[in-house]
Amino acid sequence: MGVVSGPGQFPEDRPGRIVEKDVNRWGTHWQVEMADGSEEWISALETTEMGIGWYAIEEST
């Protein structure tokens, strides 16, 4: 996962990994541990255009 909060940013510059998934009557939420050790929560994960939001990053080996 990676997050961007504005134009000109790239998800690879702020990577994180999903550590918990919570499904309840209000929807699905993911807890993400960022590379810097901070925690973020995602409550919506549907986007089809580049912009502000969260993006899946394929891990390279």
Protein backbone atom coordinates (compact mmCIF):
# COMPACT_ATOMS: atom_id res chain seq x y z
CA MET A 1 0.00 0.00 0.00
CA GLY A 2 1.06 3.54 -0.50
CA VAL A 3 -0.62 6.85 0.17
CA VAL A 4 -0.62 10.20 -1.62
CA SER A 5 -2.23 13.32 -0.22
CA GLY A 6 -1.89 15.68 -3.13
CA PRO A 7 -0.76 16.22 -6.72
CA GLY A 8 2.85 15.41 -7.59
CA GLN A 9 3.22 12.75 -4.89
CA PHE A 10 3.81 9.05 -5.50
CA PRO A 11 2.53 6.11 -3.40
CA GLU A 12 6.04 4.59 -3.44
CA ASP A 13 7.29 7.59 -1.46
CA ARG A 14 5.04 6.75 1.52
CA PRO A 15 4.69 2.94 1.67
CA GLY A 16 2.93 0.89 4.29
CA ARG A 17 1.56 -2.60 4.87
CA ILE A 18 -1.87 -3.80 5.96
CA VAL A 19 -1.72 -5.34 9.44
CA GLU A 20 -5.43 -5.72 10.27
CA LYS A 21 -8.76 -5.90 8.49
CA ASP A 22 -12.02 -5.13 10.32
CA VAL A 23 -15.40 -5.90 8.75
CA ASN A 24 -18.45 -4.61 10.58
CA ARG A 25 -21.90 -3.25 9.82
CA TRP A 26 -20.41 0.09 8.72
CA GLY A 27 -18.10 -1.46 6.12
CA THR A 28 -14.55 -2.72 5.82
CA HIS A 29 -11.59 -0.92 7.40
CA TRP A 30 -7.88 -1.66 7.15
CA GLN A 31 -5.16 -0.74 9.64
CA VAL A 32 -1.93 0.15 7.84
CA GLU A 33 1.53 0.33 9.42
CA MET A 34 3.54 2.93 7.54
CA ALA A 35 7.27 2.53 6.85
CA ASP A 36 8.03 5.25 9.42
CA GLY A 37 6.17 3.28 12.14
CA SER A 38 3.02 5.42 12.23
CA GLU A 39 -0.46 3.91 11.89
CA GLU A 40 -3.17 4.86 9.41
CA TRP A 41 -6.71 3.55 8.88
CA ILE A 42 -8.39 3.14 5.48
CA SER A 43 -12.17 3.13 5.42
CA ALA A 44 -12.64 3.30 1.66
CA LEU A 45 -10.43 1.61 -0.90
CA GLU A 46 -12.00 2.17 -4.31
CA THR A 47 -10.48 4.54 -6.78
CA THR A 48 -9.90 4.24 -10.51
CA GLU A 49 -7.99 7.42 -11.22
CA MET A 50 -4.66 8.73 -9.95
CA GLY A 51 -5.17 11.41 -7.35
CA ILE A 52 -5.45 11.69 -3.59
CA GLY A 53 -5.87 8.35 -1.82
CA TRP A 54 -4.43 4.87 -1.29
CA TYR A 55 -2.90 2.63 -3.93
CA ALA A 56 -1.72 -0.99 -4.05
CA ILE A 57 2.03 -1.27 -4.62
CA GLU A 58 3.39 -4.49 -6.06
CA GLU A 59 6.33 -5.75 -4.01
CA SER A 60 9.47 -6.34 -6.07
CA THR A 61 11.93 -9.08 -5.20
